[in-house]
Amino acid sequence: MRVAGSLALTIGVVMAAGTAFAQAAGSRWFPVPTNALYLTGDSWSEAGTTYRLYGVQSCLRGTGFTNAHGVRRDCGEASLAMLIALIRDLKPQCYDAAALPQNRTVFVFCVASRSEGSGAGSRIDLGTALIATGFAFAALNADGKPVHEPYLVAQRVAQQARAGLWAFADLPDPNAIILRALREGSTPAAGASQR
């Protein structure tokens, strides 16, 4: 019950933030293009620009976990598959939250509005959906603090519930890998978030 209550609180906080963004943004909202090239479980590109979900870190490609059938799978591919599925199912609108013009990267929040059924008028934050289902993580700064605090709450709920990738004992935590690489002065693995 605590997990469900925590998740409901997290989703409520993010839904309120999404509403505030929608009101402030006006015309800055845009859909994920149907011709987007998906790069990682938290990014895609279109027309030479990379779009990354702000505050979200997907599993890194080339890192693996052992699924329930004893088969080794690429963790980054699992995150990527979930991102694609959620974008296709939810058809979110995205808001450009920040940009790194020197490398043509735009950080975005993406929110889907659901108006049918019992969730009339509700908003689903794509980052929260990825993290709460256990297929992405709350991105951390170089000092180990979360980029977006509500995502860390969603991650803790998913971890506690052993949702998605958290169900596998050998899940490679991308934040631990990235922070270790930063401490050692090496380059983080492909797909590492730089938020």
N, C-alpha and C. Protein backbone atom coordinates (compact mmCIF):
# COMPACT_ATOMS: atom_id res chain seq x y z
N MET A 1 0.81 -1.19 0.00
CA MET A 1 0.00 0.00 0.00
C MET A 1 0.85 1.26 0.00
N ARG A 2 1.99 1.23 0.75
CA ARG A 2 2.86 2.41 0.78
C ARG A 2 3.41 2.72 -0.60
N VAL A 3 3.72 1.67 -1.37
CA VAL A 3 4.25 1.87 -2.72
C VAL A 3 3.22 2.58 -3.58
N ALA A 4 1.98 2.11 -3.55
CA ALA A 4 0.93 2.74 -4.36
C ALA A 4 0.70 4.18 -3.93
N GLY A 5 0.70 4.43 -2.62
CA GLY A 5 0.51 5.79 -2.12
C GLY A 5 1.65 6.70 -2.53
N SER A 6 2.89 6.21 -2.45
CA SER A 6 4.05 7.01 -2.85
C SER A 6 4.02 7.31 -4.34
N LEU A 7 3.66 6.30 -5.13
CA LEU A 7 3.59 6.50 -6.58
C LEU A 7 2.50 7.50 -6.92
N ALA A 8 1.35 7.41 -6.26
CA ALA A 8 0.26 8.37 -6.51
C ALA A 8 0.70 9.78 -6.17
N LEU A 9 1.43 9.93 -5.06
CA LEU A 9 1.94 11.25 -4.68
C LEU A 9 2.92 11.77 -5.72
N THR A 10 3.83 10.91 -6.17
CA THR A 10 4.81 11.30 -7.18
C THR A 10 4.12 11.72 -8.46
N ILE A 11 3.18 10.92 -8.93
CA ILE A 11 2.47 11.25 -10.16
C ILE A 11 1.70 12.55 -10.00
N GLY A 12 1.10 12.77 -8.83
CA GLY A 12 0.38 14.01 -8.57
C GLY A 12 1.30 15.22 -8.64
N VAL A 13 2.49 15.12 -8.06
CA VAL A 13 3.45 16.23 -8.10
C VAL A 13 3.87 16.51 -9.54
N VAL A 14 4.16 15.45 -10.29
CA VAL A 14 4.60 15.64 -11.66
C VAL A 14 3.46 16.15 -12.54
N MET A 15 2.23 15.68 -12.28
CA MET A 15 1.10 16.17 -13.06
C MET A 15 0.90 17.67 -12.82
N ALA A 16 1.06 18.09 -11.59
CA ALA A 16 0.93 19.52 -11.28
C ALA A 16 2.03 20.30 -11.98
N ALA A 17 3.24 19.77 -11.99
CA ALA A 17 4.34 20.44 -12.69
C ALA A 17 4.06 20.51 -14.18
N GLY A 18 3.52 19.42 -14.74
CA GLY A 18 3.19 19.41 -16.16
C GLY A 18 2.14 20.45 -16.51
N THR A 19 1.16 20.62 -15.64
CA THR A 19 0.14 21.64 -15.85
C THR A 19 0.74 23.03 -15.81
N ALA A 20 1.64 23.27 -14.86
CA ALA A 20 2.31 24.58 -14.77
C ALA A 20 3.14 24.84 -16.02
N PHE A 21 3.86 23.82 -16.48
CA PHE A 21 4.65 23.98 -17.71
C PHE A 21 3.74 24.30 -18.88
N ALA A 22 2.62 23.59 -18.98
CA ALA A 22 1.70 23.80 -20.10
C ALA A 22 1.18 25.22 -20.12
N GLN A 23 0.85 25.74 -18.95
CA GLN A 23 0.32 27.10 -18.88
C GLN A 23 1.39 28.13 -19.22
N ALA A 24 2.64 27.88 -18.80
CA ALA A 24 3.72 28.83 -19.03
C ALA A 24 4.26 28.76 -20.45
N ALA A 25 4.21 27.58 -21.04
CA ALA A 25 4.91 27.37 -22.30
C ALA A 25 4.20 27.90 -23.53
N GLY A 26 2.89 27.83 -23.54
CA GLY A 26 2.18 28.27 -24.73
C GLY A 26 2.54 27.44 -25.94
N SER A 27 3.18 28.05 -26.91
CA SER A 27 3.46 27.39 -28.19
C SER A 27 4.74 26.58 -28.19
N ARG A 28 5.42 26.45 -27.07
CA ARG A 28 6.67 25.71 -27.03
C ARG A 28 6.47 24.20 -26.93
N TRP A 29 5.24 23.74 -26.90
CA TRP A 29 4.95 22.31 -26.84
C TRP A 29 4.95 21.75 -28.25
N PHE A 30 5.50 20.55 -28.41
CA PHE A 30 5.58 19.91 -29.72
C PHE A 30 5.54 18.39 -29.55
N PRO A 31 5.04 17.67 -30.55
CA PRO A 31 5.00 16.21 -30.45
C PRO A 31 6.36 15.60 -30.80
N VAL A 32 6.58 14.38 -30.34
CA VAL A 32 7.74 13.63 -30.80
C VAL A 32 7.46 13.28 -32.25
N PRO A 33 8.33 13.66 -33.18
CA PRO A 33 8.04 13.39 -34.60
C PRO A 33 7.95 11.90 -34.90
N THR A 34 7.08 11.55 -35.82
CA THR A 34 6.92 10.14 -36.19
C THR A 34 8.17 9.60 -36.87
N ASN A 35 9.00 10.48 -37.42
CA ASN A 35 10.23 10.04 -38.09
C ASN A 35 11.45 10.16 -37.18
N ALA A 36 11.24 10.29 -35.87
CA ALA A 36 12.36 10.41 -34.92
C ALA A 36 13.23 9.16 -34.97
N LEU A 37 14.52 9.36 -34.81
CA LEU A 37 15.48 8.27 -34.72
C LEU A 37 15.77 8.09 -33.23
N TYR A 38 15.34 6.98 -32.66
CA TYR A 38 15.53 6.74 -31.23
C TYR A 38 16.97 6.32 -30.98
N LEU A 39 17.63 7.00 -30.04
CA LEU A 39 19.05 6.77 -29.77
C LEU A 39 19.27 5.92 -28.53
N THR A 40 18.63 6.29 -27.44
CA THR A 40 18.75 5.58 -26.17
C THR A 40 17.36 5.52 -25.54
N GLY A 41 17.28 4.97 -24.35
CA GLY A 41 16.01 4.90 -23.65
C GLY A 41 15.57 6.22 -23.06
N ASP A 42 16.31 7.31 -23.34
CA ASP A 42 15.91 8.63 -22.89
C ASP A 42 16.15 9.71 -23.94
N SER A 43 16.40 9.30 -25.19
CA SER A 43 16.69 10.31 -26.21
C SER A 43 16.33 9.86 -27.62
N TRP A 44 16.13 10.86 -28.48
CA TRP A 44 15.89 10.63 -29.89
C TRP A 44 16.45 11.82 -30.65
N SER A 45 16.56 11.67 -31.96
CA SER A 45 17.03 12.81 -32.75
C SER A 45 16.09 13.01 -33.94
N GLU A 46 16.12 14.24 -34.41
CA GLU A 46 15.31 14.61 -35.56
C GLU A 46 15.92 15.87 -36.15
N ALA A 47 16.16 15.86 -37.46
CA ALA A 47 16.70 17.01 -38.19
C ALA A 47 17.98 17.55 -37.55
N GLY A 48 18.87 16.65 -37.13
CA GLY A 48 20.17 17.07 -36.60
C GLY A 48 20.17 17.53 -35.15
N THR A 49 19.03 17.47 -34.49
CA THR A 49 18.96 17.87 -33.08
C THR A 49 18.64 16.64 -32.24
N THR A 50 19.34 16.51 -31.12
CA THR A 50 19.08 15.43 -30.17
C THR A 50 18.17 15.95 -29.07
N TYR A 51 17.14 15.20 -28.75
CA TYR A 51 16.19 15.53 -27.69
C TYR A 51 16.39 14.51 -26.58
N ARG A 52 16.62 15.00 -25.36
CA ARG A 52 16.82 14.13 -24.20
C ARG A 52 15.79 14.47 -23.14
N LEU A 53 15.24 13.45 -22.51
CA LEU A 53 14.30 13.66 -21.42
C LEU A 53 15.06 14.22 -20.23
N TYR A 54 14.68 15.40 -19.80
CA TYR A 54 15.34 16.07 -18.69
C TYR A 54 15.18 15.26 -17.41
N GLY A 55 16.30 15.03 -16.74
CA GLY A 55 16.26 14.35 -15.45
C GLY A 55 16.10 12.85 -15.51
N VAL A 56 16.12 12.27 -16.72
CA VAL A 56 15.94 10.83 -16.89
C VAL A 56 17.24 10.22 -17.39
N GLN A 57 17.61 9.08 -16.82
CA GLN A 57 18.77 8.33 -17.29
C GLN A 57 18.32 6.92 -17.61
N SER A 58 18.52 6.50 -18.84
CA SER A 58 18.18 5.14 -19.22
C SER A 58 19.34 4.21 -18.90
N CYS A 59 19.08 2.93 -19.00
CA CYS A 59 20.16 1.95 -18.92
C CYS A 59 21.14 2.24 -20.05
N LEU A 60 22.40 1.90 -19.83
CA LEU A 60 23.43 2.13 -20.84
C LEU A 60 23.50 0.94 -21.78
N ARG A 61 23.60 1.24 -23.06
CA ARG A 61 23.78 0.16 -24.03
C ARG A 61 25.11 -0.53 -23.76
N GLY A 62 25.11 -1.83 -23.96
CA GLY A 62 26.31 -2.60 -23.71
C GLY A 62 26.40 -3.14 -22.29
N THR A 63 25.48 -2.69 -21.42
CA THR A 63 25.41 -3.27 -20.08
C THR A 63 24.27 -4.27 -20.09
N GLY A 64 24.39 -5.33 -19.31
CA GLY A 64 23.38 -6.37 -19.41
C GLY A 64 22.81 -6.81 -18.08
N PHE A 65 21.72 -7.53 -18.18
CA PHE A 65 21.06 -8.16 -17.03
C PHE A 65 20.60 -9.53 -17.47
N THR A 66 20.34 -10.39 -16.51
CA THR A 66 19.87 -11.74 -16.80
C THR A 66 18.38 -11.79 -16.50
N ASN A 67 17.58 -12.09 -17.54
CA ASN A 67 16.12 -12.08 -17.35
C ASN A 67 15.65 -13.32 -16.61
N ALA A 68 14.35 -13.42 -16.38
CA ALA A 68 13.76 -14.51 -15.59
C ALA A 68 13.98 -15.88 -16.23
N HIS A 69 14.30 -15.91 -17.51
CA HIS A 69 14.54 -17.18 -18.21
C HIS A 69 16.02 -17.52 -18.26
N GLY A 70 16.83 -16.72 -17.56
CA GLY A 70 18.27 -16.98 -17.53
C GLY A 70 19.02 -16.49 -18.76
N VAL A 71 18.35 -15.68 -19.58
CA VAL A 71 18.96 -15.18 -20.81
C VAL A 71 19.54 -13.78 -20.55
N ARG A 72 20.74 -13.55 -20.99
CA ARG A 72 21.40 -12.25 -20.83
C ARG A 72 20.83 -11.29 -21.87
N ARG A 73 20.40 -10.10 -21.44
CA ARG A 73 19.81 -9.07 -22.31
C ARG A 73 20.54 -7.75 -22.14
N ASP A 74 20.53 -6.93 -23.18
CA ASP A 74 21.14 -5.61 -23.14
C ASP A 74 20.18 -4.66 -22.42
N CYS A 75 20.66 -4.07 -21.34
CA CYS A 75 19.81 -3.20 -20.53
C CYS A 75 19.41 -1.94 -21.30
N GLY A 76 20.33 -1.37 -22.06
CA GLY A 76 20.03 -0.18 -22.84
C GLY A 76 18.94 -0.43 -23.87
N GLU A 77 18.96 -1.60 -24.47
CA GLU A 77 17.92 -1.96 -25.45
C GLU A 77 16.56 -2.09 -24.78
N ALA A 78 16.53 -2.61 -23.55
CA ALA A 78 15.26 -2.74 -22.82
C ALA A 78 14.68 -1.35 -22.53
N SER A 79 15.53 -0.42 -22.10
CA SER A 79 15.08 0.96 -21.85
C SER A 79 14.57 1.59 -23.14
N LEU A 80 15.31 1.38 -24.21
CA LEU A 80 14.94 1.95 -25.51
C LEU A 80 13.58 1.43 -25.98
N ALA A 81 13.36 0.13 -25.84
CA ALA A 81 12.08 -0.47 -26.26
C ALA A 81 10.92 0.14 -25.49
N MET A 82 11.10 0.38 -24.19
CA MET A 82 10.01 0.96 -23.38
C MET A 82 9.76 2.41 -23.78
N LEU A 83 10.81 3.18 -24.03
CA LEU A 83 10.63 4.57 -24.48
C LEU A 83 9.81 4.61 -25.76
N ILE A 84 10.17 3.80 -26.73
CA ILE A 84 9.45 3.77 -28.01
C ILE A 84 7.99 3.37 -27.80
N ALA A 85 7.76 2.35 -26.99
CA ALA A 85 6.39 1.89 -26.74
C ALA A 85 5.55 2.98 -26.08
N LEU A 86 6.10 3.65 -25.07
CA LEU A 86 5.34 4.69 -24.38
C LEU A 86 5.06 5.88 -25.29
N ILE A 87 6.04 6.27 -26.09
CA ILE A 87 5.81 7.40 -27.00
C ILE A 87 4.74 7.05 -28.02
N ARG A 88 4.80 5.85 -28.56
CA ARG A 88 3.79 5.45 -29.56
C ARG A 88 2.40 5.31 -28.94
N ASP A 89 2.33 4.82 -27.70
CA ASP A 89 1.04 4.64 -27.04
C ASP A 89 0.46 5.94 -26.50
N LEU A 90 1.30 6.76 -25.89
CA LEU A 90 0.82 7.96 -25.22
C LEU A 90 0.78 9.21 -26.10
N LYS A 91 1.61 9.23 -27.15
CA LYS A 91 1.70 10.40 -28.05
C LYS A 91 1.86 11.70 -27.25
N PRO A 92 2.94 11.79 -26.45
CA PRO A 92 3.12 12.96 -25.60
C PRO A 92 3.48 14.22 -26.36
N GLN A 93 3.25 15.33 -25.72
CA GLN A 93 3.71 16.64 -26.19
C GLN A 93 4.92 16.99 -25.33
N CYS A 94 5.94 17.58 -25.94
CA CYS A 94 7.16 17.88 -25.22
C CYS A 94 7.39 19.38 -25.14
N TYR A 95 8.09 19.77 -24.10
CA TYR A 95 8.41 21.17 -23.85
C TYR A 95 9.93 21.27 -23.71
N ASP A 96 10.54 22.19 -24.44
CA ASP A 96 11.99 22.34 -24.34
C ASP A 96 12.33 23.09 -23.06
N ALA A 97 12.96 22.37 -22.13
CA ALA A 97 13.29 22.91 -20.81
C ALA A 97 14.65 23.58 -20.79
N ALA A 98 15.58 23.10 -21.59
CA ALA A 98 16.94 23.65 -21.64
C ALA A 98 17.61 23.17 -22.91
N ALA A 99 18.68 23.85 -23.30
CA ALA A 99 19.38 23.46 -24.52
C ALA A 99 20.88 23.62 -24.35
N LEU A 100 21.60 22.80 -25.08
CA LEU A 100 23.05 22.92 -25.22
C LEU A 100 23.31 23.17 -26.70
N PRO A 101 23.27 24.45 -27.13
CA PRO A 101 23.38 24.76 -28.55
C PRO A 101 24.67 24.27 -29.20
N GLN A 102 25.77 24.21 -28.42
CA GLN A 102 27.05 23.81 -29.01
C GLN A 102 27.02 22.38 -29.54
N ASN A 103 26.19 21.51 -28.96
CA ASN A 103 26.11 20.14 -29.51
C ASN A 103 24.69 19.78 -29.96
N ARG A 104 23.87 20.79 -30.19
CA ARG A 104 22.52 20.62 -30.73
C ARG A 104 21.69 19.62 -29.94
N THR A 105 21.69 19.80 -28.62
CA THR A 105 20.91 18.96 -27.72
C THR A 105 19.88 19.82 -27.01
N VAL A 106 18.66 19.32 -26.96
CA VAL A 106 17.57 20.00 -26.27
C VAL A 106 17.05 19.04 -25.21
N PHE A 107 16.96 19.52 -23.96
CA PHE A 107 16.40 18.72 -22.88
C PHE A 107 14.91 19.04 -22.81
N VAL A 108 14.09 18.00 -22.70
CA VAL A 108 12.64 18.18 -22.75
C VAL A 108 11.93 17.46 -21.62
N PHE A 109 10.77 17.99 -21.25
CA PHE A 109 9.78 17.29 -20.45
C PHE A 109 8.69 16.91 -21.43
N CYS A 110 8.18 15.70 -21.35
CA CYS A 110 7.10 15.26 -22.24
C CYS A 110 5.93 14.79 -21.40
N VAL A 111 4.74 15.24 -21.78
CA VAL A 111 3.52 14.94 -21.03
C VAL A 111 2.43 14.52 -22.00
N ALA A 112 1.74 13.46 -21.63
CA ALA A 112 0.59 13.00 -22.42
C ALA A 112 -0.68 13.33 -21.66
N SER A 113 -1.68 13.79 -22.35
CA SER A 113 -2.98 14.06 -21.74
C SER A 113 -3.91 12.91 -22.08
N ARG A 114 -4.60 12.42 -21.08
CA ARG A 114 -5.57 11.34 -21.29
C ARG A 114 -6.93 11.91 -20.95
N SER A 115 -7.85 11.85 -21.90
CA SER A 115 -9.17 12.43 -21.65
C SER A 115 -10.29 11.40 -21.69
N GLU A 116 -9.95 10.14 -21.94
CA GLU A 116 -11.01 9.14 -21.98
C GLU A 116 -11.04 8.32 -20.69
N GLY A 117 -12.15 7.72 -20.41
CA GLY A 117 -12.29 6.82 -19.26
C GLY A 117 -12.21 7.53 -17.92
N SER A 118 -11.78 6.76 -16.93
CA SER A 118 -11.75 7.28 -15.56
C SER A 118 -10.66 8.31 -15.33
N GLY A 119 -9.67 8.38 -16.21
CA GLY A 119 -8.58 9.33 -16.04
C GLY A 119 -8.84 10.61 -16.79
N ALA A 120 -10.07 11.01 -16.91
CA ALA A 120 -10.44 12.20 -17.68
C ALA A 120 -9.63 13.41 -17.26
N GLY A 121 -8.96 14.01 -18.23
CA GLY A 121 -8.21 15.23 -17.99
C GLY A 121 -6.88 15.01 -17.29
N SER A 122 -6.44 13.77 -17.08
CA SER A 122 -5.20 13.53 -16.37
C SER A 122 -4.00 13.69 -17.31
N ARG A 123 -2.84 13.93 -16.71
CA ARG A 123 -1.59 14.07 -17.46
C ARG A 123 -0.62 13.00 -16.99
N ILE A 124 0.11 12.45 -17.93
CA ILE A 124 1.11 11.44 -17.63
C ILE A 124 2.45 11.99 -18.08
N ASP A 125 3.37 12.16 -17.14
CA ASP A 125 4.72 12.62 -17.46
C ASP A 125 5.51 11.42 -17.98
N LEU A 126 6.12 11.55 -19.15
CA LEU A 126 6.84 10.44 -19.77
C LEU A 126 8.02 10.00 -18.91
N GLY A 127 8.74 10.93 -18.31
CA GLY A 127 9.86 10.57 -17.45
C GLY A 127 9.41 9.75 -16.26
N THR A 128 8.33 10.19 -15.62
CA THR A 128 7.80 9.44 -14.48
C THR A 128 7.33 8.06 -14.92
N ALA A 129 6.68 7.99 -16.07
CA ALA A 129 6.20 6.69 -16.56
C ALA A 129 7.36 5.72 -16.79
N LEU A 130 8.44 6.20 -17.40
CA LEU A 130 9.60 5.33 -17.65
C LEU A 130 10.24 4.88 -16.34
N ILE A 131 10.39 5.80 -15.42
CA ILE A 131 11.07 5.49 -14.16
C ILE A 131 10.17 4.64 -13.26
N ALA A 132 8.89 4.97 -13.15
CA ALA A 132 7.98 4.24 -12.27
C ALA A 132 7.73 2.81 -12.75
N THR A 133 7.86 2.57 -14.05
CA THR A 133 7.71 1.21 -14.56
C THR A 133 9.00 0.41 -14.45
N GLY A 134 10.08 1.09 -14.03
CA GLY A 134 11.35 0.40 -13.81
C GLY A 134 12.23 0.27 -15.04
N PHE A 135 12.00 1.09 -16.06
CA PHE A 135 12.79 1.00 -17.28
C PHE A 135 13.72 2.19 -17.50
N ALA A 136 13.76 3.09 -16.52
CA ALA A 136 14.71 4.21 -16.55
C ALA A 136 14.97 4.60 -15.10
N PHE A 137 15.85 5.57 -14.92
CA PHE A 137 16.31 5.98 -13.60
C PHE A 137 16.28 7.49 -13.49
N ALA A 138 16.29 7.98 -12.27
CA ALA A 138 16.43 9.42 -12.05
C ALA A 138 17.88 9.78 -12.34
N ALA A 139 18.11 10.70 -13.26
CA ALA A 139 19.48 11.13 -13.57
C ALA A 139 20.05 11.87 -12.37
N LEU A 140 21.36 11.68 -12.17
CA LEU A 140 22.05 12.34 -11.08
C LEU A 140 23.07 13.33 -11.62
N ASN A 141 23.29 14.41 -10.86
CA ASN A 141 24.37 15.34 -11.19
C ASN A 141 25.70 14.68 -10.81
N ALA A 142 26.80 15.32 -11.17
CA ALA A 142 28.13 14.79 -10.86
C ALA A 142 28.34 14.65 -9.35
N ASP A 143 27.59 15.42 -8.54
CA ASP A 143 27.72 15.32 -7.08
C ASP A 143 26.81 14.23 -6.49
N GLY A 144 26.11 13.48 -7.35
CA GLY A 144 25.26 12.39 -6.90
C GLY A 144 23.86 12.78 -6.50
N LYS A 145 23.50 14.05 -6.66
CA LYS A 145 22.15 14.51 -6.33
C LYS A 145 21.26 14.42 -7.56
N PRO A 146 19.95 14.15 -7.34
CA PRO A 146 19.05 14.02 -8.49
C PRO A 146 18.88 15.33 -9.25
N VAL A 147 18.80 15.23 -10.55
CA VAL A 147 18.55 16.39 -11.39
C VAL A 147 17.13 16.90 -11.16
N HIS A 148 16.19 15.98 -11.01
CA HIS A 148 14.77 16.31 -10.80
C HIS A 148 14.26 15.41 -9.67
N GLU A 149 14.12 15.97 -8.49
CA GLU A 149 13.80 15.21 -7.26
C GLU A 149 12.59 14.28 -7.39
N PRO A 150 11.46 14.70 -8.01
CA PRO A 150 10.32 13.77 -8.10
C PRO A 150 10.66 12.47 -8.81
N TYR A 151 11.63 12.51 -9.72
CA TYR A 151 12.00 11.28 -10.41
C TYR A 151 12.71 10.31 -9.47
N LEU A 152 13.45 10.81 -8.51
CA LEU A 152 14.10 9.93 -7.54
C LEU A 152 13.05 9.23 -6.68
N VAL A 153 11.98 9.92 -6.34
CA VAL A 153 10.88 9.31 -5.58
C VAL A 153 10.26 8.18 -6.40
N ALA A 154 10.01 8.44 -7.69
CA ALA A 154 9.45 7.40 -8.57
C ALA A 154 10.39 6.21 -8.68
N GLN A 155 11.69 6.48 -8.73
CA GLN A 155 12.67 5.40 -8.82
C GLN A 155 12.65 4.54 -7.56
N ARG A 156 12.58 5.17 -6.41
CA ARG A 156 12.54 4.41 -5.15
C ARG A 156 11.29 3.53 -5.07
N VAL A 157 10.18 4.05 -5.55
CA VAL A 157 8.94 3.27 -5.56
C VAL A 157 9.09 2.06 -6.49
N ALA A 158 9.65 2.27 -7.68
CA ALA A 158 9.85 1.17 -8.64
C ALA A 158 10.82 0.14 -8.07
N GLN A 159 11.89 0.61 -7.45
CA GLN A 159 12.87 -0.30 -6.88
C GLN A 159 12.26 -1.13 -5.76
N GLN A 160 11.50 -0.49 -4.90
CA GLN A 160 10.85 -1.18 -3.79
C GLN A 160 9.85 -2.23 -4.30
N ALA A 161 9.16 -1.90 -5.38
CA ALA A 161 8.16 -2.82 -5.96
C ALA A 161 8.80 -3.85 -6.89
N ARG A 162 10.10 -3.70 -7.14
CA ARG A 162 10.84 -4.57 -8.08
C ARG A 162 10.16 -4.54 -9.45
N ALA A 163 9.78 -3.34 -9.87
CA ALA A 163 9.11 -3.14 -11.16
C ALA A 163 10.12 -3.16 -12.30
N GLY A 164 9.69 -3.64 -13.44
CA GLY A 164 10.52 -3.61 -14.65
C GLY A 164 11.88 -4.24 -14.45
N LEU A 165 12.92 -3.48 -14.78
CA LEU A 165 14.29 -3.98 -14.70
C LEU A 165 14.75 -4.22 -13.27
N TRP A 166 14.08 -3.60 -12.30
CA TRP A 166 14.43 -3.80 -10.89
C TRP A 166 14.16 -5.24 -10.45
N ALA A 167 13.44 -6.02 -11.23
CA ALA A 167 13.15 -7.41 -10.88
C ALA A 167 14.38 -8.30 -11.02
N PHE A 168 15.42 -7.80 -11.66
CA PHE A 168 16.59 -8.62 -11.95
C PHE A 168 17.76 -8.24 -11.05
N ALA A 169 18.30 -9.25 -10.35
CA ALA A 169 19.33 -9.03 -9.34
C ALA A 169 20.60 -8.39 -9.91
N ASP A 170 20.91 -8.63 -11.15
CA ASP A 170 22.16 -8.09 -11.72
C ASP A 170 21.94 -6.84 -12.57
N LEU A 171 20.87 -6.09 -12.28
CA LEU A 171 20.59 -4.84 -12.99
C LEU A 171 21.79 -3.90 -12.87
N PRO A 172 22.35 -3.44 -13.99
CA PRO A 172 23.48 -2.52 -13.93
C PRO A 172 23.00 -1.08 -13.77
N ASP A 173 23.17 -0.51 -12.60
CA ASP A 173 22.71 0.86 -12.31
C ASP A 173 23.54 1.85 -13.13
N PRO A 174 22.93 2.52 -14.11
CA PRO A 174 23.70 3.43 -14.96
C PRO A 174 24.30 4.60 -14.21
N ASN A 175 23.61 5.08 -13.18
CA ASN A 175 24.15 6.20 -12.41
C ASN A 175 25.44 5.81 -11.70
N ALA A 176 25.48 4.62 -11.14
CA ALA A 176 26.70 4.15 -10.48
C ALA A 176 27.84 4.04 -11.48
N ILE A 177 27.55 3.55 -12.68
CA ILE A 177 28.57 3.42 -13.73
C ILE A 177 29.08 4.79 -14.15
N ILE A 178 28.17 5.73 -14.35
CA ILE A 178 28.54 7.08 -14.79
C ILE A 178 29.34 7.80 -13.71
N LEU A 179 28.86 7.76 -12.47
CA LEU A 179 29.57 8.44 -11.38
C LEU A 179 30.96 7.84 -11.16
N ARG A 180 31.07 6.54 -11.26
CA ARG A 180 32.38 5.88 -11.13
C ARG A 180 33.32 6.36 -12.24
N ALA A 181 32.81 6.42 -13.47
CA ALA A 181 33.63 6.89 -14.59
C ALA A 181 34.06 8.34 -14.40
N LEU A 182 33.18 9.17 -13.87
CA LEU A 182 33.53 10.57 -13.62
C LEU A 182 34.61 10.68 -12.55
N ARG A 183 34.49 9.88 -11.48
CA ARG A 183 35.50 9.89 -10.41
C ARG A 183 36.86 9.43 -10.93
N GLU A 184 36.84 8.45 -11.83
CA GLU A 184 38.08 7.90 -12.36
C GLU A 184 38.63 8.73 -13.51
N GLY A 185 37.85 9.73 -13.95
CA GLY A 185 38.30 10.59 -15.03
C GLY A 185 38.19 9.98 -16.41
N SER A 186 37.43 8.90 -16.53
CA SER A 186 37.24 8.28 -17.84
C SER A 186 35.94 8.77 -18.45
N THR A 187 35.72 8.45 -19.71
CA THR A 187 34.51 8.85 -20.42
C THR A 187 33.39 7.88 -20.07
N PRO A 188 32.21 8.41 -19.65
CA PRO A 188 31.08 7.51 -19.38
C PRO A 188 30.67 6.74 -20.63
N ALA A 189 30.00 5.62 -20.41
CA ALA A 189 29.57 4.75 -21.50
C ALA A 189 28.57 5.46 -22.40
N ALA A 190 28.38 4.90 -23.60
CA ALA A 190 27.42 5.44 -24.56
C ALA A 190 26.04 5.50 -23.93
N GLY A 191 25.33 6.57 -24.17
CA GLY A 191 23.98 6.71 -23.63
C GLY A 191 23.96 7.37 -22.28
N ALA A 192 25.13 7.77 -21.77
CA ALA A 192 25.18 8.41 -20.46
C ALA A 192 24.64 9.82 -20.56
N SER A 193 23.83 10.18 -19.63
CA SER A 193 23.23 11.51 -19.60
C SER A 193 24.24 12.52 -19.06
N GLN A 194 24.23 13.70 -19.61
CA GLN A 194 25.12 14.76 -19.13
C GLN A 194 24.27 15.91 -18.64
N ARG A 195 23.35 15.70 -17.71
CA ARG A 195 22.46 16.74 -17.23
C ARG A 195 22.92 17.21 -15.89
